[in-house]
Structure formats: structure tokens, C-alpha cells
N, C-alpha and C. Protein backbone atom coordinates (compact mmCIF):
# COMPACT_ATOMS: atom_id res chain seq x y z
N MET A 1 65.82 116.58 80.32
CA MET A 1 65.99 117.95 79.87
C MET A 1 65.67 118.03 78.38
N THR A 2 64.95 119.07 78.00
CA THR A 2 64.64 119.30 76.59
C THR A 2 65.41 120.51 76.10
N ASP A 3 65.43 120.68 74.80
CA ASP A 3 66.11 121.86 74.29
C ASP A 3 65.52 122.24 72.95
N VAL A 4 65.99 123.35 72.43
CA VAL A 4 65.47 123.85 71.17
C VAL A 4 66.39 123.53 70.00
N ASN A 5 67.32 122.57 70.18
CA ASN A 5 68.25 122.23 69.10
C ASN A 5 67.53 121.77 67.84
N LYS A 6 66.36 121.16 68.00
CA LYS A 6 65.62 120.73 66.81
C LYS A 6 65.19 121.93 65.97
N ASN A 7 65.25 123.11 66.54
CA ASN A 7 64.83 124.32 65.84
C ASN A 7 65.99 125.09 65.24
N LEU A 8 67.17 124.44 65.12
CA LEU A 8 68.29 125.09 64.44
C LEU A 8 67.90 125.35 63.00
N ILE A 9 68.33 126.48 62.47
CA ILE A 9 67.99 126.80 61.08
C ILE A 9 69.25 127.04 60.28
N LYS A 10 69.16 126.75 59.00
CA LYS A 10 70.31 126.95 58.11
C LYS A 10 70.21 128.29 57.39
N ASN A 11 69.01 128.70 57.04
CA ASN A 11 68.81 129.98 56.36
C ASN A 11 68.66 131.08 57.39
N ILE A 12 69.74 131.80 57.61
CA ILE A 12 69.71 132.83 58.64
C ILE A 12 68.87 134.01 58.16
N PRO A 13 68.28 134.75 59.09
CA PRO A 13 67.50 135.93 58.70
C PRO A 13 68.37 136.91 57.91
N SER A 14 67.82 137.43 56.82
CA SER A 14 68.59 138.34 55.97
C SER A 14 68.69 139.74 56.55
N ASN A 15 67.68 140.16 57.30
CA ASN A 15 67.67 141.49 57.89
C ASN A 15 67.09 141.41 59.30
N PRO A 16 67.84 140.80 60.25
CA PRO A 16 67.29 140.60 61.59
C PRO A 16 67.13 141.92 62.34
N LEU A 17 66.06 141.99 63.11
CA LEU A 17 65.75 143.17 63.91
C LEU A 17 65.39 142.72 65.31
N ILE A 18 66.05 143.28 66.30
CA ILE A 18 65.78 142.92 67.70
C ILE A 18 64.48 143.59 68.13
N ILE A 19 63.51 142.78 68.60
CA ILE A 19 62.25 143.36 69.06
C ILE A 19 62.02 143.18 70.55
N ALA A 20 62.85 142.36 71.20
CA ALA A 20 62.70 142.13 72.63
C ALA A 20 63.96 141.47 73.16
N ILE A 21 64.07 141.46 74.46
CA ILE A 21 65.12 140.71 75.12
C ILE A 21 64.46 139.85 76.18
N THR A 22 64.96 138.64 76.33
CA THR A 22 64.41 137.78 77.37
C THR A 22 65.12 138.09 78.67
N GLY A 23 64.44 137.79 79.76
CA GLY A 23 65.02 137.98 81.08
C GLY A 23 65.26 136.63 81.73
N SER A 24 65.10 136.59 83.01
CA SER A 24 65.34 135.36 83.76
C SER A 24 64.14 134.42 83.67
N ALA A 25 64.39 133.18 84.04
CA ALA A 25 63.32 132.18 84.05
C ALA A 25 62.28 132.54 85.10
N TYR A 26 61.05 132.08 84.85
CA TYR A 26 59.96 132.30 85.80
C TYR A 26 59.34 130.94 86.11
N GLY A 27 59.31 130.57 87.36
CA GLY A 27 58.70 129.30 87.76
C GLY A 27 59.56 128.11 87.37
N VAL A 28 58.98 126.91 87.48
CA VAL A 28 59.73 125.68 87.25
C VAL A 28 59.36 124.97 85.95
N HIS A 29 58.45 125.53 85.17
CA HIS A 29 57.96 124.85 83.97
C HIS A 29 58.49 125.45 82.66
N GLY A 30 59.57 126.21 82.72
CA GLY A 30 60.20 126.70 81.50
C GLY A 30 59.71 128.04 81.00
N TRP A 31 58.97 128.77 81.81
CA TRP A 31 58.54 130.11 81.41
C TRP A 31 59.72 131.06 81.53
N ILE A 32 59.69 132.12 80.73
CA ILE A 32 60.76 133.11 80.73
C ILE A 32 60.16 134.51 80.65
N ARG A 33 60.79 135.45 81.32
CA ARG A 33 60.35 136.85 81.24
C ARG A 33 60.79 137.43 79.90
N VAL A 34 59.98 138.33 79.36
CA VAL A 34 60.33 138.96 78.09
C VAL A 34 60.09 140.47 78.20
N PHE A 35 61.01 141.25 77.65
CA PHE A 35 60.95 142.71 77.71
C PHE A 35 60.94 143.26 76.29
N PRO A 36 59.74 143.58 75.78
CA PRO A 36 59.61 144.04 74.39
C PRO A 36 60.15 145.45 74.18
N PHE A 37 60.61 145.71 72.97
CA PHE A 37 61.03 147.04 72.54
C PHE A 37 59.97 147.71 71.69
N THR A 38 58.86 147.04 71.46
CA THR A 38 57.80 147.59 70.63
C THR A 38 57.00 148.62 71.42
N GLU A 39 56.39 149.56 70.71
CA GLU A 39 55.60 150.60 71.36
C GLU A 39 54.47 149.98 72.18
N ASN A 40 53.77 149.04 71.59
CA ASN A 40 52.75 148.27 72.30
C ASN A 40 53.39 146.93 72.66
N PRO A 41 53.66 146.68 73.94
CA PRO A 41 54.43 145.49 74.32
C PRO A 41 53.90 144.17 73.76
N ILE A 42 52.59 144.00 73.72
CA ILE A 42 52.08 142.71 73.26
C ILE A 42 52.10 142.55 71.75
N SER A 43 52.45 143.61 71.03
CA SER A 43 52.52 143.48 69.57
C SER A 43 53.68 142.59 69.12
N ILE A 44 54.63 142.28 70.02
CA ILE A 44 55.70 141.36 69.62
C ILE A 44 55.13 140.01 69.21
N PHE A 45 53.97 139.67 69.72
CA PHE A 45 53.36 138.38 69.39
C PHE A 45 52.76 138.37 67.99
N ASP A 46 52.65 139.53 67.36
CA ASP A 46 52.17 139.62 65.98
C ASP A 46 53.29 139.36 64.97
N TYR A 47 54.53 139.43 65.42
CA TYR A 47 55.68 139.35 64.51
C TYR A 47 56.43 138.04 64.71
N GLN A 48 55.88 136.98 64.22
CA GLN A 48 56.57 135.70 64.35
C GLN A 48 56.84 135.14 62.98
N PRO A 49 57.82 134.31 62.80
CA PRO A 49 58.60 133.62 63.83
C PRO A 49 59.68 134.52 64.42
N TRP A 50 60.15 134.09 65.60
CA TRP A 50 61.26 134.75 66.27
C TRP A 50 62.53 133.94 66.05
N PHE A 51 63.64 134.64 66.08
CA PHE A 51 64.93 133.99 65.95
C PHE A 51 65.81 134.42 67.12
N ILE A 52 66.71 133.54 67.52
CA ILE A 52 67.76 133.90 68.47
C ILE A 52 69.07 133.39 67.88
N LYS A 53 70.15 134.03 68.26
CA LYS A 53 71.47 133.58 67.83
C LYS A 53 72.29 133.34 69.08
N GLN A 54 72.76 132.11 69.22
CA GLN A 54 73.60 131.75 70.35
C GLN A 54 74.76 130.90 69.85
N THR A 55 75.93 131.20 70.32
CA THR A 55 77.15 130.48 69.92
C THR A 55 77.19 130.22 68.42
N HIS A 56 76.99 131.28 67.66
CA HIS A 56 77.08 131.28 66.19
C HIS A 56 76.05 130.39 65.51
N GLN A 57 74.99 130.03 66.21
CA GLN A 57 73.93 129.24 65.61
C GLN A 57 72.61 129.98 65.74
N TRP A 58 71.83 129.94 64.68
CA TRP A 58 70.51 130.56 64.69
C TRP A 58 69.46 129.50 65.01
N ARG A 59 68.50 129.90 65.82
CA ARG A 59 67.38 129.03 66.16
C ARG A 59 66.09 129.80 65.94
N ILE A 60 65.07 129.05 65.63
CA ILE A 60 63.74 129.63 65.54
C ILE A 60 63.02 129.28 66.84
N LEU A 61 62.31 130.24 67.41
CA LEU A 61 61.53 129.98 68.62
C LEU A 61 60.06 129.93 68.27
N ILE A 62 59.38 128.95 68.81
CA ILE A 62 57.95 128.80 68.58
C ILE A 62 57.24 129.03 69.90
N LEU A 63 56.41 130.05 69.92
CA LEU A 63 55.68 130.44 71.11
C LEU A 63 54.55 129.44 71.39
N GLU A 64 54.49 128.96 72.63
CA GLU A 64 53.35 128.13 73.05
C GLU A 64 52.25 129.00 73.63
N LYS A 65 52.64 129.86 74.57
CA LYS A 65 51.66 130.75 75.21
C LYS A 65 52.40 131.86 75.93
N TRP A 66 51.64 132.88 76.25
CA TRP A 66 52.19 134.00 77.01
C TRP A 66 51.10 134.53 77.93
N GLN A 67 51.52 135.32 78.91
CA GLN A 67 50.56 135.97 79.80
C GLN A 67 51.25 137.12 80.54
N TYR A 68 50.41 137.98 81.07
CA TYR A 68 50.93 139.02 81.96
C TYR A 68 51.15 138.42 83.33
N HIS A 69 52.22 138.82 83.97
CA HIS A 69 52.46 138.48 85.37
C HIS A 69 52.83 139.79 86.05
N HIS A 70 51.91 140.28 86.87
CA HIS A 70 52.00 141.63 87.42
C HIS A 70 52.06 142.60 86.24
N LYS A 71 53.10 143.40 86.11
CA LYS A 71 53.18 144.33 84.98
C LYS A 71 54.13 143.83 83.90
N ASN A 72 54.62 142.62 84.05
CA ASN A 72 55.57 142.06 83.08
C ASN A 72 54.90 141.00 82.22
N ILE A 73 55.60 140.64 81.15
CA ILE A 73 55.12 139.57 80.27
C ILE A 73 56.02 138.36 80.48
N ILE A 74 55.39 137.20 80.60
CA ILE A 74 56.14 135.94 80.62
C ILE A 74 55.63 135.09 79.47
N MET A 75 56.50 134.21 78.99
CA MET A 75 56.09 133.37 77.86
C MET A 75 56.67 131.97 78.00
N LYS A 76 56.02 131.06 77.31
CA LYS A 76 56.44 129.67 77.26
C LYS A 76 56.76 129.35 75.82
N VAL A 77 57.95 128.79 75.58
CA VAL A 77 58.42 128.47 74.24
C VAL A 77 58.44 126.96 74.07
N GLU A 78 58.07 126.51 72.88
CA GLU A 78 58.07 125.08 72.57
C GLU A 78 59.45 124.47 72.82
N GLY A 79 59.48 123.32 73.50
CA GLY A 79 60.73 122.60 73.75
C GLY A 79 61.44 123.00 75.02
N ILE A 80 60.96 124.00 75.70
CA ILE A 80 61.56 124.44 76.97
C ILE A 80 60.55 124.13 78.06
N ASN A 81 60.85 123.12 78.88
CA ASN A 81 59.85 122.63 79.83
C ASN A 81 60.28 122.68 81.28
N ASP A 82 61.46 123.21 81.56
CA ASP A 82 61.88 123.32 82.96
C ASP A 82 62.73 124.58 83.14
N ARG A 83 62.86 124.96 84.38
CA ARG A 83 63.57 126.20 84.73
C ARG A 83 65.04 126.17 84.27
N ASN A 84 65.71 125.04 84.48
CA ASN A 84 67.13 124.96 84.12
C ASN A 84 67.34 125.17 82.62
N THR A 85 66.52 124.53 81.80
CA THR A 85 66.66 124.68 80.35
C THR A 85 66.34 126.11 79.93
N ALA A 86 65.32 126.69 80.53
CA ALA A 86 64.98 128.08 80.22
C ALA A 86 66.16 128.99 80.55
N THR A 87 66.77 128.76 81.70
CA THR A 87 67.91 129.57 82.12
C THR A 87 69.10 129.37 81.18
N GLU A 88 69.41 128.12 80.86
CA GLU A 88 70.57 127.82 80.03
C GLU A 88 70.42 128.30 78.58
N GLN A 89 69.22 128.19 78.04
CA GLN A 89 69.06 128.44 76.61
C GLN A 89 68.38 129.76 76.25
N LEU A 90 67.67 130.36 77.18
CA LEU A 90 66.93 131.57 76.82
C LEU A 90 67.20 132.77 77.72
N ASN A 91 68.06 132.61 78.70
CA ASN A 91 68.32 133.69 79.64
C ASN A 91 69.03 134.85 78.93
N TYR A 92 68.40 136.02 78.90
CA TYR A 92 68.97 137.24 78.34
C TYR A 92 69.40 137.09 76.88
N CYS A 93 68.48 136.60 76.07
CA CYS A 93 68.68 136.49 74.62
C CYS A 93 67.96 137.63 73.92
N GLN A 94 68.45 137.96 72.75
CA GLN A 94 67.77 138.94 71.90
C GLN A 94 66.79 138.19 71.00
N LEU A 95 65.52 138.58 71.09
CA LEU A 95 64.51 138.01 70.19
C LEU A 95 64.51 138.85 68.92
N MET A 96 64.66 138.18 67.79
CA MET A 96 64.74 138.90 66.52
C MET A 96 63.68 138.41 65.54
N ILE A 97 63.32 139.30 64.64
CA ILE A 97 62.42 138.96 63.54
C ILE A 97 63.06 139.46 62.25
N GLU A 98 62.48 139.07 61.14
CA GLU A 98 62.88 139.67 59.86
C GLU A 98 62.28 141.07 59.84
N ALA A 99 63.08 142.08 59.56
CA ALA A 99 62.61 143.47 59.59
C ALA A 99 61.45 143.71 58.63
N ASN A 100 61.38 142.94 57.55
CA ASN A 100 60.29 143.14 56.59
C ASN A 100 58.93 142.68 57.13
N LYS A 101 58.90 142.10 58.32
CA LYS A 101 57.64 141.70 58.95
C LYS A 101 56.92 142.90 59.58
N LEU A 102 57.64 144.00 59.77
CA LEU A 102 57.02 145.19 60.37
C LEU A 102 56.04 145.81 59.39
N PRO A 103 54.95 146.37 59.91
CA PRO A 103 53.98 147.01 59.00
C PRO A 103 54.56 148.27 58.37
N LYS A 104 54.07 148.58 57.18
CA LYS A 104 54.45 149.83 56.51
C LYS A 104 53.90 151.00 57.31
N LEU A 105 54.68 152.06 57.39
CA LEU A 105 54.27 153.24 58.15
C LEU A 105 53.67 154.29 57.24
N LYS A 106 52.89 155.17 57.86
CA LYS A 106 52.35 156.32 57.14
C LYS A 106 53.46 157.34 56.93
N GLU A 107 53.23 158.25 56.01
CA GLU A 107 54.20 159.31 55.77
C GLU A 107 54.40 160.11 57.05
N GLY A 108 55.64 160.42 57.37
CA GLY A 108 55.96 161.17 58.58
C GLY A 108 56.15 160.30 59.81
N GLU A 109 55.98 158.98 59.67
CA GLU A 109 56.23 158.05 60.76
C GLU A 109 57.52 157.28 60.46
N TYR A 110 58.26 156.96 61.53
CA TYR A 110 59.55 156.32 61.35
C TYR A 110 59.77 155.27 62.43
N TYR A 111 60.43 154.21 62.04
CA TYR A 111 60.90 153.25 63.03
C TYR A 111 62.21 153.76 63.59
N TRP A 112 62.41 153.55 64.89
CA TRP A 112 63.65 153.98 65.51
C TRP A 112 64.85 153.40 64.78
N LYS A 113 64.75 152.15 64.38
CA LYS A 113 65.88 151.48 63.71
C LYS A 113 66.34 152.25 62.48
N ASP A 114 65.41 152.96 61.83
CA ASP A 114 65.76 153.70 60.62
C ASP A 114 66.44 155.03 60.93
N LEU A 115 66.24 155.56 62.12
CA LEU A 115 66.83 156.85 62.50
C LEU A 115 68.23 156.70 63.07
N ILE A 116 68.50 155.54 63.68
CA ILE A 116 69.82 155.33 64.29
C ILE A 116 70.88 155.31 63.19
N GLY A 117 71.92 156.10 63.41
CA GLY A 117 73.00 156.23 62.44
C GLY A 117 72.85 157.41 61.51
N CYS A 118 71.69 158.07 61.52
CA CYS A 118 71.50 159.25 60.66
C CYS A 118 72.34 160.42 61.18
N GLN A 119 72.89 161.19 60.26
CA GLN A 119 73.62 162.40 60.61
C GLN A 119 72.62 163.50 60.91
N VAL A 120 72.89 164.27 61.97
CA VAL A 120 72.00 165.35 62.38
C VAL A 120 72.67 166.68 62.06
N ILE A 121 71.95 167.51 61.31
CA ILE A 121 72.47 168.80 60.86
C ILE A 121 71.48 169.89 61.26
N ASN A 122 71.99 171.00 61.81
CA ASN A 122 71.07 172.07 62.19
C ASN A 122 70.83 173.01 61.00
N LEU A 123 69.97 174.00 61.20
CA LEU A 123 69.58 174.90 60.11
C LEU A 123 70.72 175.80 59.63
N SER A 124 71.79 175.91 60.44
CA SER A 124 72.98 176.67 60.03
C SER A 124 74.00 175.77 59.33
N ASN A 125 73.59 174.56 59.01
CA ASN A 125 74.43 173.55 58.35
C ASN A 125 75.58 173.04 59.21
N ASN A 126 75.46 173.16 60.53
CA ASN A 126 76.44 172.58 61.44
C ASN A 126 76.09 171.11 61.66
N ILE A 127 77.09 170.25 61.53
CA ILE A 127 76.87 168.83 61.81
C ILE A 127 76.92 168.65 63.32
N LEU A 128 75.82 168.18 63.89
CA LEU A 128 75.72 168.01 65.34
C LEU A 128 76.18 166.63 65.79
N GLY A 129 76.20 165.67 64.91
CA GLY A 129 76.61 164.30 65.24
C GLY A 129 75.68 163.30 64.59
N LYS A 130 75.73 162.07 65.09
CA LYS A 130 74.89 161.00 64.55
C LYS A 130 73.98 160.46 65.64
N VAL A 131 72.79 160.02 65.23
CA VAL A 131 71.84 159.43 66.18
C VAL A 131 72.43 158.11 66.66
N ASN A 132 72.68 158.03 67.96
CA ASN A 132 73.26 156.85 68.57
C ASN A 132 72.18 155.95 69.16
N SER A 133 71.15 156.56 69.72
CA SER A 133 70.03 155.82 70.29
C SER A 133 68.86 156.78 70.45
N ILE A 134 67.75 156.25 70.89
CA ILE A 134 66.55 157.06 71.11
C ILE A 134 65.97 156.67 72.46
N MET A 135 65.60 157.69 73.24
CA MET A 135 65.00 157.45 74.55
C MET A 135 63.52 157.77 74.50
N GLU A 136 62.75 156.95 75.18
CA GLU A 136 61.32 157.22 75.32
C GLU A 136 61.13 157.89 76.67
N THR A 137 60.56 159.08 76.67
CA THR A 137 60.43 159.83 77.93
C THR A 137 59.00 159.94 78.42
N GLY A 138 58.05 159.56 77.63
CA GLY A 138 56.65 159.70 78.01
C GLY A 138 55.97 160.77 77.18
N SER A 139 56.46 162.00 77.28
CA SER A 139 55.84 163.08 76.52
C SER A 139 56.28 163.07 75.06
N ASN A 140 57.55 162.79 74.82
CA ASN A 140 58.07 162.69 73.45
C ASN A 140 59.37 161.89 73.49
N ASP A 141 59.74 161.35 72.35
CA ASP A 141 61.01 160.65 72.26
C ASP A 141 62.14 161.66 72.19
N VAL A 142 63.34 161.22 72.54
CA VAL A 142 64.52 162.09 72.53
C VAL A 142 65.63 161.39 71.75
N LEU A 143 66.19 162.10 70.77
CA LEU A 143 67.32 161.57 70.02
C LEU A 143 68.59 161.75 70.85
N VAL A 144 69.36 160.70 71.01
CA VAL A 144 70.66 160.77 71.67
C VAL A 144 71.69 160.83 70.56
N ILE A 145 72.34 161.98 70.46
CA ILE A 145 73.26 162.26 69.37
C ILE A 145 74.69 162.10 69.87
N LYS A 146 75.46 161.27 69.20
CA LYS A 146 76.87 161.14 69.53
C LYS A 146 77.62 162.23 68.78
N ILE A 147 78.31 163.07 69.53
CA ILE A 147 79.02 164.21 68.95
C ILE A 147 80.27 163.71 68.25
N ASN A 148 80.59 164.35 67.14
CA ASN A 148 81.77 164.00 66.35
C ASN A 148 83.00 164.05 67.24
N GLU A 149 83.62 162.89 67.45
CA GLU A 149 84.76 162.79 68.36
C GLU A 149 86.00 163.49 67.84
N LYS A 150 86.10 163.70 66.54
CA LYS A 150 87.28 164.35 65.97
C LYS A 150 87.43 165.78 66.48
N LYS A 151 86.31 166.41 66.79
CA LYS A 151 86.36 167.80 67.24
C LYS A 151 86.61 167.92 68.74
N LYS A 152 86.66 166.78 69.43
CA LYS A 152 86.91 166.74 70.87
C LYS A 152 85.98 167.67 71.64
N GLN A 153 84.74 167.70 71.22
CA GLN A 153 83.76 168.54 71.89
C GLN A 153 83.33 167.88 73.20
N LYS A 154 82.99 168.67 74.16
CA LYS A 154 82.46 168.18 75.43
C LYS A 154 81.06 168.72 75.59
N PRO A 155 80.11 168.01 76.04
CA PRO A 155 80.12 166.57 76.33
C PRO A 155 80.11 165.75 75.04
N THR A 156 80.10 164.44 75.17
CA THR A 156 80.17 163.57 74.00
C THR A 156 78.79 163.22 73.45
N GLU A 157 77.74 163.60 74.17
CA GLU A 157 76.37 163.35 73.70
C GLU A 157 75.56 164.63 73.72
N ARG A 158 74.58 164.67 72.88
CA ARG A 158 73.65 165.79 72.81
C ARG A 158 72.26 165.18 72.77
N LEU A 159 71.33 165.72 73.53
CA LEU A 159 69.95 165.24 73.56
C LEU A 159 69.06 166.23 72.83
N ILE A 160 68.32 165.72 71.85
CA ILE A 160 67.44 166.57 71.05
C ILE A 160 66.04 165.98 71.07
N PRO A 161 65.05 166.75 71.53
CA PRO A 161 63.68 166.21 71.56
C PRO A 161 63.14 165.95 70.16
N PHE A 162 62.46 164.83 70.01
CA PHE A 162 61.88 164.47 68.71
C PHE A 162 60.50 165.12 68.62
N LEU A 163 60.51 166.42 68.35
CA LEU A 163 59.28 167.19 68.18
C LEU A 163 59.20 167.57 66.71
N TYR A 164 58.40 166.80 65.98
CA TYR A 164 58.33 166.97 64.54
C TYR A 164 57.77 168.34 64.20
N GLN A 165 58.38 169.01 63.28
CA GLN A 165 58.10 170.34 62.77
C GLN A 165 58.61 171.44 63.70
N LYS A 166 58.54 171.24 65.01
CA LYS A 166 59.04 172.26 65.92
C LYS A 166 60.57 172.19 66.02
N VAL A 167 61.12 171.02 66.24
CA VAL A 167 62.57 170.84 66.33
C VAL A 167 63.08 170.03 65.13
N ILE A 168 62.42 168.94 64.84
CA ILE A 168 62.79 168.09 63.71
C ILE A 168 62.16 168.69 62.46
N LYS A 169 62.98 169.22 61.59
CA LYS A 169 62.47 169.92 60.41
C LYS A 169 62.34 169.02 59.19
N GLU A 170 63.27 168.11 59.02
CA GLU A 170 63.21 167.22 57.86
C GLU A 170 63.97 165.94 58.16
N ILE A 171 63.42 164.84 57.71
CA ILE A 171 64.10 163.55 57.80
C ILE A 171 64.26 163.02 56.39
N ASN A 172 65.49 162.80 55.99
CA ASN A 172 65.79 162.29 54.66
C ASN A 172 66.48 160.94 54.83
N LEU A 173 65.67 159.87 54.88
CA LEU A 173 66.23 158.54 55.12
C LEU A 173 67.16 158.07 54.00
N PRO A 174 66.84 158.33 52.71
CA PRO A 174 67.77 157.88 51.67
C PRO A 174 69.17 158.48 51.84
N ASN A 175 69.26 159.73 52.30
CA ASN A 175 70.55 160.38 52.52
C ASN A 175 71.06 160.22 53.95
N ARG A 176 70.25 159.56 54.80
CA ARG A 176 70.60 159.31 56.21
C ARG A 176 70.89 160.61 56.96
N THR A 177 70.03 161.63 56.75
CA THR A 177 70.20 162.91 57.43
C THR A 177 68.90 163.36 58.09
N ILE A 178 69.06 164.05 59.21
CA ILE A 178 67.94 164.66 59.92
C ILE A 178 68.31 166.13 60.12
N TYR A 179 67.43 167.02 59.69
CA TYR A 179 67.65 168.46 59.84
C TYR A 179 66.84 168.95 61.03
N VAL A 180 67.50 169.71 61.91
CA VAL A 180 66.87 170.14 63.15
C VAL A 180 67.05 171.64 63.37
N ASP A 181 66.11 172.22 64.08
CA ASP A 181 66.22 173.60 64.54
C ASP A 181 66.79 173.53 65.96
N TRP A 182 68.11 173.47 66.03
CA TRP A 182 68.78 173.25 67.31
C TRP A 182 70.16 173.89 67.26
N GLY A 183 70.48 174.64 68.28
CA GLY A 183 71.78 175.32 68.32
C GLY A 183 72.93 174.37 68.57
N ILE A 184 74.09 174.74 68.07
CA ILE A 184 75.27 173.90 68.25
C ILE A 184 75.76 173.91 69.70
N GLU A 185 75.38 174.95 70.45
CA GLU A 185 75.85 175.07 71.83
C GLU A 185 75.07 174.18 72.80
N PHE A 186 73.95 173.61 72.36
CA PHE A 186 73.16 172.76 73.25
C PHE A 186 73.61 171.33 73.18
């Protein structure tokens, strides 16, 4: 049995960002399924090295090869050569990179990670809640807003389409606020 213990690192990532999650093992030679969070699934291979954290230890993963299998991606990592090791050491792990490895965006473009936690305020200055997550729907992304629990409003979530200029009026990342044209009753 082999393992990735030789890839333990002492200098932990300063700003780790999850870009994918691994799935179950594939085959008997240590391949593992991977489910990217990037807009273009194969772009995760542009952002290396990868890190995982297991039992309070950080490891660096070194990619040997990857391929499509049906509509999914499978990959082979250095030091993982059998199904059991892949299952024990890589099953359902978060693949992380240093956030500064991401390319700079053009004006008006945002990474989801930067929007999560922003306070959402409508044009009447009503606080609608904070961005809890973002859903990809195909036609446009949707902000999932967690409603301020202190007000005991029902329901506890609000969905706001990410339609820039039509619904999303302004994003102020330094102040962590998003201004929207959206009624409080929705």
C-alpha cells in the first residue's frame, strides 16, 4: 500500500479556496472521481498545486494524469496506486488551492467566493439578508440570501436572480454589500 504522507506540508495555505471535491474511487489502480466547482470543469488542472486537509494535516497532491470517463472527470494522483488507498485517503476530500492562483477578473466580473457573505440591500434601503450561497441554473446564477433571523421572517431564504443591471444594481466588495432592485416581499 502506498500513501501521500510524503507530501505532508508544514506551510499551510494562507488563503485556501475549495475548487473541487473528490468522489469515490474508480477502478483498481488508484483513480478517483473529481467534481469541479469551476465554471469550466477542466480548468481545475490549471490551478496547481492542490492541497487537502485531513485529520488536521495538510497535504499537497500531485496530479499524474486525468481523463473524462463518460461525462465525469477521473484523475490519478502521485502515490495513490490502488483502490483501497484511493478510498482511504482521497474519498470525498475538498481539493483546495491558494486563492491568489485565480486569474484577475475584468471589471464587473466576480468570483462567487467574493459574493458569499455580502449583505444584500434593496433600493428602498431594506436589508434583505446575506448571500449564503449561489446556484447555477443555466440561464443565470441565483443568489441564495439568508434572511435576517432576528426578524423571524418566513421563509428563511430568498432567491434573487443575478441579472446585472436589471436586478443587481451595484456590488461594493470593500463594503461587502450588494444593492438590488428587489422587493422585500419576495
